[in-house]
Amino acid sequence: DPQLWVDVTRAHRGGAMRVVGLYHSHPDGPAQPSAIDLEAAWGEELVWLIVAVEGKGGAAQAVQVTAHLLDHGGRQFREIPLRTGDWHTYPVRVLPDDAPKEAAS
């Protein structure tokens, strides 16, 4: 909703937080903008993330994420690369069931 974006932007004006993009999912579809996405899009300064999701309920999983900017006066999307410089491997917690077991005698 563009009005929600305007309201949030105004509420955070002058503060450290700001809206830099929006995201939505494409269940069982590709992570690329559709004609419906383009028709509803606004704001050439916003990054549009699209997540392709396969499966339903607890079996659903994100299979691809793409990022896009509106280009050429809002007439089309242009894909931009997704990069992070601060990504780390996830920590692993050792649970009691993971502890080494003594050999049975």
PDB file of N, CA and C in Angstrom:
ATOM      1  N   ASP A   1       0.839  -1.174   0.000  1.00  0.00           N
ATOM      2  CA  ASP A   1       0.000   0.000   0.000  1.00  0.00           C
ATOM      3  C   ASP A   1       0.890   1.245   0.000  1.00  0.00           C
ATOM      4  N   PRO A   2       0.866   2.021  -1.055  1.00  0.00           N
ATOM      5  CA  PRO A   2       1.705   3.226  -1.104  1.00  0.00           C
ATOM      6  C   PRO A   2       1.465   4.189   0.060  1.00  0.00           C
ATOM      7  N   GLN A   3       0.222   4.292   0.540  1.00  0.00           N
ATOM      8  CA  GLN A   3      -0.057   5.210   1.649  1.00  0.00           C
ATOM      9  C   GLN A   3       0.653   4.774   2.919  1.00  0.00           C
ATOM     10  N   LEU A   4       0.720   3.475   3.170  1.00  0.00           N
ATOM     11  CA  LEU A   4       1.442   2.969   4.333  1.00  0.00           C
ATOM     12  C   LEU A   4       2.912   3.355   4.251  1.00  0.00           C
ATOM     13  N   TRP A   5       3.508   3.218   3.073  1.00  0.00           N
ATOM     14  CA  TRP A   5       4.902   3.612   2.870  1.00  0.00           C
ATOM     15  C   TRP A   5       5.088   5.107   3.154  1.00  0.00           C
ATOM     16  N   VAL A   6       4.186   5.937   2.675  1.00  0.00           N
ATOM     17  CA  VAL A   6       4.253   7.383   2.927  1.00  0.00           C
ATOM     18  C   VAL A   6       4.151   7.656   4.425  1.00  0.00           C
ATOM     19  N   ASP A   7       3.218   7.000   5.100  1.00  0.00           N
ATOM     20  CA  ASP A   7       3.029   7.214   6.541  1.00  0.00           C
ATOM     21  C   ASP A   7       4.269   6.806   7.334  1.00  0.00           C
ATOM     22  N   VAL A   8       4.834   5.651   7.018  1.00  0.00           N
ATOM     23  CA  VAL A   8       6.029   5.176   7.723  1.00  0.00           C
ATOM     24  C   VAL A   8       7.210   6.107   7.439  1.00  0.00           C
ATOM     25  N   THR A   9       7.360   6.527   6.197  1.00  0.00           N
ATOM     26  CA  THR A   9       8.450   7.437   5.828  1.00  0.00           C
ATOM     27  C   THR A   9       8.333   8.747   6.599  1.00  0.00           C
ATOM     28  N   ARG A  10       7.141   9.294   6.681  1.00  0.00           N
ATOM     29  CA  ARG A  10       6.934  10.542   7.441  1.00  0.00           C
ATOM     30  C   ARG A  10       7.212  10.349   8.928  1.00  0.00           C
ATOM     31  N   ALA A  11       6.788   9.223   9.476  1.00  0.00           N
ATOM     32  CA  ALA A  11       6.976   8.972  10.905  1.00  0.00           C
ATOM     33  C   ALA A  11       8.453   8.874  11.272  1.00  0.00           C
ATOM     34  N   HIS A  12       9.285   8.436  10.346  1.00  0.00           N
ATOM     35  CA  HIS A  12      10.710   8.256  10.636  1.00  0.00           C
ATOM     36  C   HIS A  12      11.577   9.358  10.038  1.00  0.00           C
ATOM     37  N   ARG A  13      10.968  10.405   9.505  1.00  0.00           N
ATOM     38  CA  ARG A  13      11.719  11.504   8.897  1.00  0.00           C
ATOM     39  C   ARG A  13      12.670  12.112   9.918  1.00  0.00           C
ATOM     40  N   GLY A  14      13.932  12.242   9.544  1.00  0.00           N
ATOM     41  CA  GLY A  14      14.933  12.816  10.430  1.00  0.00           C
ATOM     42  C   GLY A  14      15.532  11.817  11.399  1.00  0.00           C
ATOM     43  N   GLY A  15      15.006  10.607  11.440  1.00  0.00           N
ATOM     44  CA  GLY A  15      15.521   9.584  12.349  1.00  0.00           C
ATOM     45  C   GLY A  15      16.528   8.683  11.650  1.00  0.00           C
ATOM     46  N   ALA A  16      17.011   7.717  12.384  1.00  0.00           N
ATOM     47  CA  ALA A  16      18.011   6.797  11.849  1.00  0.00           C
ATOM     48  C   ALA A  16      17.394   5.728  10.956  1.00  0.00           C
ATOM     49  N   MET A  17      16.095   5.468  11.112  1.00  0.00           N
ATOM     50  CA  MET A  17      15.461   4.411  10.325  1.00  0.00           C
ATOM     51  C   MET A  17      14.709   5.005   9.148  1.00  0.00           C
ATOM     52  N   ARG A  18      14.708   4.235   8.036  1.00  0.00           N
ATOM     53  CA  ARG A  18      13.924   4.638   6.873  1.00  0.00           C
ATOM     54  C   ARG A  18      13.597   3.402   6.049  1.00  0.00           C
ATOM     55  N   VAL A  19      12.568   3.505   5.261  1.00  0.00           N
ATOM     56  CA  VAL A  19      12.168   2.409   4.387  1.00  0.00           C
ATOM     57  C   VAL A  19      13.059   2.467   3.147  1.00  0.00           C
ATOM     58  N   VAL A  20      13.733   1.356   2.861  1.00  0.00           N
ATOM     59  CA  VAL A  20      14.601   1.308   1.679  1.00  0.00           C
ATOM     60  C   VAL A  20      14.072   0.345   0.625  1.00  0.00           C
ATOM     61  N   GLY A  21      13.095  -0.472   1.004  1.00  0.00           N
ATOM     62  CA  GLY A  21      12.561  -1.406   0.033  1.00  0.00           C
ATOM     63  C   GLY A  21      11.354  -2.148   0.562  1.00  0.00           C
ATOM     64  N   LEU A  22      10.801  -2.941  -0.307  1.00  0.00           N
ATOM     65  CA  LEU A  22       9.620  -3.736  -0.001  1.00  0.00           C
ATOM     66  C   LEU A  22       9.856  -5.146  -0.514  1.00  0.00           C
ATOM     67  N   TYR A  23       9.128  -6.112   0.031  1.00  0.00           N
ATOM     68  CA  TYR A  23       9.261  -7.467  -0.469  1.00  0.00           C
ATOM     69  C   TYR A  23       7.905  -8.137  -0.551  1.00  0.00           C
ATOM     70  N   HIS A  24       7.843  -9.137  -1.384  1.00  0.00           N
ATOM     71  CA  HIS A  24       6.674  -9.999  -1.433  1.00  0.00           C
ATOM     72  C   HIS A  24       7.107 -11.343  -2.004  1.00  0.00           C
ATOM     73  N   SER A  25       6.221 -12.324  -1.902  1.00  0.00           N
ATOM     74  CA  SER A  25       6.563 -13.663  -2.372  1.00  0.00           C
ATOM     75  C   SER A  25       5.745 -14.029  -3.602  1.00  0.00           C
ATOM     76  N   HIS A  26       6.307 -14.963  -4.347  1.00  0.00           N
ATOM     77  CA  HIS A  26       5.614 -15.580  -5.471  1.00  0.00           C
ATOM     78  C   HIS A  26       5.527 -17.076  -5.167  1.00  0.00           C
ATOM     79  N   PRO A  27       4.437 -17.518  -4.523  1.00  0.00           N
ATOM     80  CA  PRO A  27       4.302 -18.946  -4.238  1.00  0.00           C
ATOM     81  C   PRO A  27       4.234 -19.746  -5.536  1.00  0.00           C
ATOM     82  N   ASP A  28       5.084 -20.748  -5.629  1.00  0.00           N
ATOM     83  CA  ASP A  28       5.126 -21.632  -6.801  1.00  0.00           C
ATOM     84  C   ASP A  28       5.309 -20.871  -8.107  1.00  0.00           C
ATOM     85  N   GLY A  29       6.036 -19.739  -8.047  1.00  0.00           N
ATOM     86  CA  GLY A  29       6.333 -18.959  -9.249  1.00  0.00           C
ATOM     87  C   GLY A  29       7.751 -18.443  -9.178  1.00  0.00           C
ATOM     88  N   PRO A  30       8.249 -17.896 -10.284  1.00  0.00           N
ATOM     89  CA  PRO A  30       9.625 -17.410 -10.303  1.00  0.00           C
ATOM     90  C   PRO A  30       9.797 -16.117  -9.507  1.00  0.00           C
ATOM     91  N   ALA A  31      11.028 -15.881  -9.075  1.00  0.00           N
ATOM     92  CA  ALA A  31      11.348 -14.669  -8.311  1.00  0.00           C
ATOM     93  C   ALA A  31      11.676 -13.533  -9.279  1.00  0.00           C
ATOM     94  N   GLN A  32      10.756 -13.266 -10.175  1.00  0.00           N
ATOM     95  CA  GLN A  32      10.936 -12.150 -11.098  1.00  0.00           C
ATOM     96  C   GLN A  32       9.632 -11.371 -11.174  1.00  0.00           C
ATOM     97  N   PRO A  33       9.727 -10.069 -11.419  1.00  0.00           N
ATOM     98  CA  PRO A  33       8.513  -9.252 -11.416  1.00  0.00           C
ATOM     99  C   PRO A  33       7.541  -9.684 -12.511  1.00  0.00           C
ATOM    100  N   SER A  34       6.282  -9.673 -12.156  1.00  0.00           N
ATOM    101  CA  SER A  34       5.221  -9.973 -13.117  1.00  0.00           C
ATOM    102  C   SER A  34       4.636  -8.665 -13.637  1.00  0.00           C
ATOM    103  N   ALA A  35       3.758  -8.772 -14.621  1.00  0.00           N
ATOM    104  CA  ALA A  35       3.058  -7.581 -15.133  1.00  0.00           C
ATOM    105  C   ALA A  35       2.214  -6.954 -14.025  1.00  0.00           C
ATOM    106  N   ILE A  36       1.656  -7.788 -13.141  1.00  0.00           N
ATOM    107  CA  ILE A  36       0.860  -7.270 -12.017  1.00  0.00           C
ATOM    108  C   ILE A  36       1.763  -6.512 -11.048  1.00  0.00           C
ATOM    109  N   ASP A  37       2.974  -7.038 -10.794  1.00  0.00           N
ATOM    110  CA  ASP A  37       3.930  -6.337  -9.924  1.00  0.00           C
ATOM    111  C   ASP A  37       4.251  -4.963 -10.496  1.00  0.00           C
ATOM    112  N   LEU A  38       4.508  -4.909 -11.797  1.00  0.00           N
ATOM    113  CA  LEU A  38       4.868  -3.641 -12.433  1.00  0.00           C
ATOM    114  C   LEU A  38       3.721  -2.647 -12.356  1.00  0.00           C
ATOM    115  N   GLU A  39       2.517  -3.117 -12.564  1.00  0.00           N
ATOM    116  CA  GLU A  39       1.354  -2.232 -12.516  1.00  0.00           C
ATOM    117  C   GLU A  39       1.173  -1.621 -11.122  1.00  0.00           C
ATOM    118  N   ALA A  40       1.491  -2.389 -10.080  1.00  0.00           N
ATOM    119  CA  ALA A  40       1.279  -1.932  -8.702  1.00  0.00           C
ATOM    120  C   ALA A  40       2.481  -1.194  -8.119  1.00  0.00           C
ATOM    121  N   ALA A  41       3.621  -1.227  -8.789  1.00  0.00           N
ATOM    122  CA  ALA A  41       4.861  -0.677  -8.224  1.00  0.00           C
ATOM    123  C   ALA A  41       4.899   0.851  -8.291  1.00  0.00           C
ATOM    124  N   TRP A  42       5.646   1.426  -7.354  1.00  0.00           N
ATOM    125  CA  TRP A  42       5.891   2.867  -7.303  1.00  0.00           C
ATOM    126  C   TRP A  42       7.239   3.079  -6.636  1.00  0.00           C
ATOM    127  N   GLY A  43       7.792   4.256  -6.741  1.00  0.00           N
ATOM    128  CA  GLY A  43       8.990   4.617  -5.998  1.00  0.00           C
ATOM    129  C   GLY A  43      10.280   4.108  -6.601  1.00  0.00           C
ATOM    130  N   GLU A  44      10.872   4.886  -7.495  1.00  0.00           N
ATOM    131  CA  GLU A  44      12.116   4.462  -8.146  1.00  0.00           C
ATOM    132  C   GLU A  44      13.284   4.348  -7.173  1.00  0.00           C
ATOM    133  N   GLU A  45      13.157   4.903  -5.965  1.00  0.00           N
ATOM    134  CA  GLU A  45      14.241   4.817  -4.985  1.00  0.00           C
ATOM    135  C   GLU A  45      14.153   3.555  -4.129  1.00  0.00           C
ATOM    136  N   LEU A  46      13.087   2.783  -4.262  1.00  0.00           N
ATOM    137  CA  LEU A  46      12.888   1.590  -3.447  1.00  0.00           C
ATOM    138  C   LEU A  46      13.465   0.337  -4.102  1.00  0.00           C
ATOM    139  N   VAL A  47      14.001  -0.548  -3.283  1.00  0.00           N
ATOM    140  CA  VAL A  47      14.429  -1.866  -3.744  1.00  0.00           C
ATOM    141  C   VAL A  47      13.246  -2.804  -3.557  1.00  0.00           C
ATOM    142  N   TRP A  48      12.924  -3.543  -4.599  1.00  0.00           N
ATOM    143  CA  TRP A  48      11.821  -4.505  -4.567  1.00  0.00           C
ATOM    144  C   TRP A  48      12.416  -5.905  -4.517  1.00  0.00           C
ATOM    145  N   LEU A  49      12.221  -6.610  -3.397  1.00  0.00           N
ATOM    146  CA  LEU A  49      12.681  -7.993  -3.251  1.00  0.00           C
ATOM    147  C   LEU A  49      11.524  -8.926  -3.557  1.00  0.00           C
ATOM    148  N   ILE A  50      11.815  -9.969  -4.322  1.00  0.00           N
ATOM    149  CA  ILE A  50      10.800 -10.976  -4.640  1.00  0.00           C
ATOM    150  C   ILE A  50      11.359 -12.337  -4.248  1.00  0.00           C
ATOM    151  N   VAL A  51      10.589 -13.072  -3.465  1.00  0.00           N
ATOM    152  CA  VAL A  51      10.996 -14.382  -2.970  1.00  0.00           C
ATOM    153  C   VAL A  51      10.147 -15.448  -3.647  1.00  0.00           C
ATOM    154  N   ALA A  52      10.802 -16.391  -4.349  1.00  0.00           N
ATOM    155  CA  ALA A  52      10.088 -17.539  -4.907  1.00  0.00           C
ATOM    156  C   ALA A  52       9.966 -18.576  -3.808  1.00  0.00           C
ATOM    157  N   VAL A  53       8.752 -19.055  -3.585  1.00  0.00           N
ATOM    158  CA  VAL A  53       8.477 -20.015  -2.514  1.00  0.00           C
ATOM    159  C   VAL A  53       7.849 -21.258  -3.128  1.00  0.00           C
ATOM    160  N   GLU A  54       8.372 -22.418  -2.727  1.00  0.00           N
ATOM    161  CA  GLU A  54       7.798 -23.688  -3.159  1.00  0.00           C
ATOM    162  C   GLU A  54       7.258 -24.432  -1.952  1.00  0.00           C
ATOM    163  N   GLY A  55       6.157 -25.129  -2.133  1.00  0.00           N
ATOM    164  CA  GLY A  55       5.551 -25.894  -1.052  1.00  0.00           C
ATOM    165  C   GLY A  55       4.552 -25.055  -0.283  1.00  0.00           C
ATOM    166  N   LYS A  56       3.901 -25.703   0.663  1.00  0.00           N
ATOM    167  CA  LYS A  56       2.878 -25.022   1.456  1.00  0.00           C
ATOM    168  C   LYS A  56       3.052 -25.354   2.934  1.00  0.00           C
ATOM    169  N   GLY A  57       2.566 -24.474   3.788  1.00  0.00           N
ATOM    170  CA  GLY A  57       2.601 -24.704   5.231  1.00  0.00           C
ATOM    171  C   GLY A  57       4.011 -24.905   5.735  1.00  0.00           C
ATOM    172  N   GLY A  58       4.196 -25.905   6.598  1.00  0.00           N
ATOM    173  CA  GLY A  58       5.496 -26.187   7.194  1.00  0.00           C
ATOM    174  C   GLY A  58       6.525 -26.670   6.192  1.00  0.00           C
ATOM    175  N   ALA A  59       6.078 -27.098   5.008  1.00  0.00           N
ATOM    176  CA  ALA A  59       7.009 -27.576   3.982  1.00  0.00           C
ATOM    177  C   ALA A  59       7.439 -26.463   3.030  1.00  0.00           C
ATOM    178  N   ALA A  60       6.900 -25.259   3.196  1.00  0.00           N
ATOM    179  CA  ALA A  60       7.245 -24.152   2.302  1.00  0.00           C
ATOM    180  C   ALA A  60       8.680 -23.711   2.542  1.00  0.00           C
ATOM    181  N   GLN A  61       9.366 -23.384   1.461  1.00  0.00           N
ATOM    182  CA  GLN A  61      10.717 -22.859   1.604  1.00  0.00           C
ATOM    183  C   GLN A  61      11.035 -21.891   0.483  1.00  0.00           C
ATOM    184  N   ALA A  62      11.812 -20.878   0.822  1.00  0.00           N
ATOM    185  CA  ALA A  62      12.268 -19.917  -0.178  1.00  0.00           C
ATOM    186  C   ALA A  62      13.312 -20.594  -1.045  1.00  0.00           C
ATOM    187  N   VAL A  63      13.151 -20.504  -2.350  1.00  0.00           N
ATOM    188  CA  VAL A  63      14.099 -21.162  -3.246  1.00  0.00           C
ATOM    189  C   VAL A  63      14.931 -20.163  -4.041  1.00  0.00           C
ATOM    190  N   GLN A  64      14.490 -18.915  -4.096  1.00  0.00           N
ATOM    191  CA  GLN A  64      15.269 -17.888  -4.789  1.00  0.00           C
ATOM    192  C   GLN A  64      14.774 -16.516  -4.344  1.00  0.00           C
ATOM    193  N   VAL A  65      15.700 -15.559  -4.265  1.00  0.00           N
ATOM    194  CA  VAL A  65      15.363 -14.180  -3.947  1.00  0.00           C
ATOM    195  C   VAL A  65      16.059 -13.287  -4.965  1.00  0.00           C
ATOM    196  N   THR A  66      15.321 -12.339  -5.515  1.00  0.00           N
ATOM    197  CA  THR A  66      15.902 -11.383  -6.449  1.00  0.00           C
ATOM    198  C   THR A  66      15.567  -9.969  -5.987  1.00  0.00           C
ATOM    199  N   ALA A  67      16.375  -9.002  -6.410  1.00  0.00           N
ATOM    200  CA  ALA A  67      16.170  -7.595  -6.056  1.00  0.00           C
ATOM    201  C   ALA A  67      16.046  -6.784  -7.342  1.00  0.00           C
ATOM    202  N   HIS A  68      15.186  -5.757  -7.303  1.00  0.00           N
ATOM    203  CA  HIS A  68      14.901  -4.978  -8.503  1.00  0.00           C
ATOM    204  C   HIS A  68      14.691  -3.510  -8.149  1.00  0.00           C
ATOM    205  N   LEU A  69      14.969  -2.662  -9.097  1.00  0.00           N
ATOM    206  CA  LEU A  69      14.639  -1.240  -9.020  1.00  0.00           C
ATOM    207  C   LEU A  69      13.718  -0.906 -10.178  1.00  0.00           C
ATOM    208  N   LEU A  70      12.823   0.050  -9.974  1.00  0.00           N
ATOM    209  CA  LEU A  70      12.047   0.571 -11.096  1.00  0.00           C
ATOM    210  C   LEU A  70      12.970   1.440 -11.926  1.00  0.00           C
ATOM    211  N   ASP A  71      12.876   1.327 -13.216  1.00  0.00           N
ATOM    212  CA  ASP A  71      13.783   2.034 -14.115  1.00  0.00           C
ATOM    213  C   ASP A  71      12.988   2.726 -15.214  1.00  0.00           C
ATOM    214  N   HIS A  72      13.628   3.659 -15.883  1.00  0.00           N
ATOM    215  CA  HIS A  72      13.031   4.347 -17.040  1.00  0.00           C
ATOM    216  C   HIS A  72      11.692   4.983 -16.692  1.00  0.00           C
ATOM    217  N   GLY A  73      11.693   5.781 -15.631  1.00  0.00           N
ATOM    218  CA  GLY A  73      10.473   6.481 -15.240  1.00  0.00           C
ATOM    219  C   GLY A  73       9.376   5.559 -14.740  1.00  0.00           C
ATOM    220  N   GLY A  74       9.759   4.413 -14.195  1.00  0.00           N
ATOM    221  CA  GLY A  74       8.777   3.473 -13.675  1.00  0.00           C
ATOM    222  C   GLY A  74       8.170   2.576 -14.727  1.00  0.00           C
ATOM    223  N   ARG A  75       8.770   2.532 -15.918  1.00  0.00           N
ATOM    224  CA  ARG A  75       8.201   1.718 -17.003  1.00  0.00           C
ATOM    225  C   ARG A  75       8.613   0.254 -16.952  1.00  0.00           C
ATOM    226  N   GLN A  76       9.699  -0.061 -16.247  1.00  0.00           N
ATOM    227  CA  GLN A  76      10.133  -1.457 -16.167  1.00  0.00           C
ATOM    228  C   GLN A  76      10.997  -1.656 -14.936  1.00  0.00           C
ATOM    229  N   PHE A  77      11.172  -2.923 -14.553  1.00  0.00           N
ATOM    230  CA  PHE A  77      12.070  -3.273 -13.467  1.00  0.00           C
ATOM    231  C   PHE A  77      13.443  -3.599 -14.038  1.00  0.00           C
ATOM    232  N   ARG A  78      14.464  -3.339 -13.232  1.00  0.00           N
ATOM    233  CA  ARG A  78      15.838  -3.730 -13.565  1.00  0.00           C
ATOM    234  C   ARG A  78      16.364  -4.516 -12.382  1.00  0.00           C
ATOM    235  N   GLU A  79      16.858  -5.733 -12.643  1.00  0.00           N
ATOM    236  CA  GLU A  79      17.397  -6.554 -11.563  1.00  0.00           C
ATOM    237  C   GLU A  79      18.734  -5.982 -11.092  1.00  0.00           C
ATOM    238  N   ILE A  80      18.948  -6.019  -9.787  1.00  0.00           N
ATOM    239  CA  ILE A  80      20.216  -5.586  -9.205  1.00  0.00           C
ATOM    240  C   ILE A  80      20.783  -6.744  -8.389  1.00  0.00           C
ATOM    241  N   PRO A  81      22.107  -6.815  -8.244  1.00  0.00           N
ATOM    242  CA  PRO A  81      22.690  -7.938  -7.499  1.00  0.00           C
ATOM    243  C   PRO A  81      22.414  -7.830  -6.004  1.00  0.00           C
ATOM    244  N   LEU A  82      22.256  -8.986  -5.387  1.00  0.00           N
ATOM    245  CA  LEU A  82      22.125  -9.078  -3.932  1.00  0.00           C
ATOM    246  C   LEU A  82      23.481  -9.466  -3.377  1.00  0.00           C
ATOM    247  N   ARG A  83      24.027  -8.643  -2.510  1.00  0.00           N
ATOM    248  CA  ARG A  83      25.320  -8.935  -1.895  1.00  0.00           C
ATOM    249  C   ARG A  83      25.306  -8.490  -0.449  1.00  0.00           C
ATOM    250  N   THR A  84      25.941  -9.281   0.402  1.00  0.00           N
ATOM    251  CA  THR A  84      26.158  -8.849   1.776  1.00  0.00           C
ATOM    252  C   THR A  84      27.612  -9.116   2.118  1.00  0.00           C
ATOM    253  N   GLY A  85      28.219  -8.208   2.823  1.00  0.00           N
ATOM    254  CA  GLY A  85      29.606  -8.366   3.216  1.00  0.00           C
ATOM    255  C   GLY A  85      29.754  -8.869   4.634  1.00  0.00           C
ATOM    256  N   ASP A  86      28.640  -9.009   5.342  1.00  0.00           N
ATOM    257  CA  ASP A  86      28.728  -9.383   6.753  1.00  0.00           C
ATOM    258  C   ASP A  86      28.122 -10.747   7.044  1.00  0.00           C
ATOM    259  N   TRP A  87      27.934 -11.570   6.036  1.00  0.00           N
ATOM    260  CA  TRP A  87      27.320 -12.878   6.235  1.00  0.00           C
ATOM    261  C   TRP A  87      28.300 -13.826   6.893  1.00  0.00           C
ATOM    262  N   HIS A  88      27.836 -14.598   7.866  1.00  0.00           N
ATOM    263  CA  HIS A  88      28.651 -15.597   8.557  1.00  0.00           C
ATOM    264  C   HIS A  88      27.912 -16.926   8.503  1.00  0.00           C
ATOM    265  N   THR A  89      28.646 -18.007   8.734  1.00  0.00           N
ATOM    266  CA  THR A  89      27.964 -19.286   8.869  1.00  0.00           C
ATOM    267  C   THR A  89      27.093 -19.234  10.110  1.00  0.00           C
ATOM    268  N   TYR A  90      26.038 -19.963  10.108  1.00  0.00           N
ATOM    269  CA  TYR A  90      25.130 -19.972  11.243  1.00  0.00           C
ATOM    270  C   TYR A  90      25.767 -20.686  12.426  1.00  0.00           C
ATOM    271  N   PRO A  91      25.541 -20.199  13.643  1.00  0.00           N
ATOM    272  CA  PRO A  91      26.056 -20.909  14.815  1.00  0.00           C
ATOM    273  C   PRO A  91      25.314 -22.231  14.991  1.00  0.00           C
ATOM    274  N   VAL A  92      25.973 -23.186  15.601  1.00  0.00           N
ATOM    275  CA  VAL A  92      25.382 -24.499  15.861  1.00  0.00           C
ATOM    276  C   VAL A  92      25.357 -24.716  17.363  1.00  0.00           C
ATOM    277  N   ARG A  93      24.218 -25.096  17.865  1.00  0.00           N
ATOM    278  CA  ARG A  93      24.059 -25.362  19.291  1.00  0.00           C
ATOM    279  C   ARG A  93      24.186 -26.866  19.515  1.00  0.00           C
ATOM    280  N   VAL A  94      25.012 -27.252  20.466  1.00  0.00           N
ATOM    281  CA  VAL A  94      25.155 -28.670  20.814  1.00  0.00           C
ATOM    282  C   VAL A  94      24.059 -29.005  21.810  1.00  0.00           C
ATOM    283  N   LEU A  95      23.225 -29.955  21.447  1.00  0.00           N
ATOM    284  CA  LEU A  95      22.143 -30.395  22.311  1.00  0.00           C
ATOM    285  C   LEU A  95      22.551 -31.656  23.061  1.00  0.00           C
ATOM    286  N   PRO A  96      21.915 -31.936  24.184  1.00  0.00           N
ATOM    287  CA  PRO A  96      22.302 -33.131  24.956  1.00  0.00           C
ATOM    288  C   PRO A  96      22.280 -34.400  24.114  1.00  0.00           C
ATOM    289  N   ASP A  97      21.352 -34.532  23.193  1.00  0.00           N
ATOM    290  CA  ASP A  97      21.291 -35.736  22.351  1.00  0.00           C
ATOM    291  C   ASP A  97      22.478 -35.833  21.399  1.00  0.00           C
ATOM    292  N   ASP A  98      23.204 -34.724  21.180  1.00  0.00           N
ATOM    293  CA  ASP A  98      24.359 -34.707  20.275  1.00  0.00           C
ATOM    294  C   ASP A  98      25.661 -35.075  20.981  1.00  0.00           C
ATOM    295  N   ALA A  99      25.619 -35.146  22.297  1.00  0.00           N
ATOM    296  CA  ALA A  99      26.841 -35.434  23.061  1.00  0.00           C
ATOM    297  C   ALA A  99      27.341 -36.832  22.702  1.00  0.00           C
ATOM    298  N   PRO A 100      28.676 -37.009  22.663  1.00  0.00           N
ATOM    299  CA  PRO A 100      29.202 -38.345  22.337  1.00  0.00           C
ATOM    300  C   PRO A 100      28.758 -39.364  23.375  1.00  0.00           C
ATOM    301  N   LYS A 101      28.411 -40.531  22.889  1.00  0.00           N
ATOM    302  CA  LYS A 101      27.966 -41.607  23.769  1.00  0.00           C
ATOM    303  C   LYS A 101      29.150 -42.541  24.053  1.00  0.00           C
ATOM    304  N   GLU A 102      29.196 -43.029  25.275  1.00  0.00           N
ATOM    305  CA  GLU A 102      30.260 -43.983  25.613  1.00  0.00           C
ATOM    306  C   GLU A 102      29.935 -45.326  24.968  1.00  0.00           C
ATOM    307  N   ALA A 103      30.953 -46.000  24.563  1.00  0.00           N
ATOM    308  CA  ALA A 103      30.748 -47.312  23.929  1.00  0.00           C
ATOM    309  C   ALA A 103      30.124 -48.271  24.927  1.00  0.00           C
ATOM    310  N   ALA A 104      29.149 -49.038  24.459  1.00  0.00           N
ATOM    311  CA  ALA A 104      28.499 -50.021  25.328  1.00  0.00           C
ATOM    312  C   ALA A 104      29.465 -51.174  25.598  1.00  0.00           C
ATOM    313  N   SER A 105      29.467 -51.671  26.837  1.00  0.00           N
ATOM    314  CA  SER A 105      30.369 -52.800  27.141  1.00  0.00           C
ATOM    315  C   SER A 105      29.616 -54.077  27.270  1.00  0.00           C
TER     316      SER A 105
END
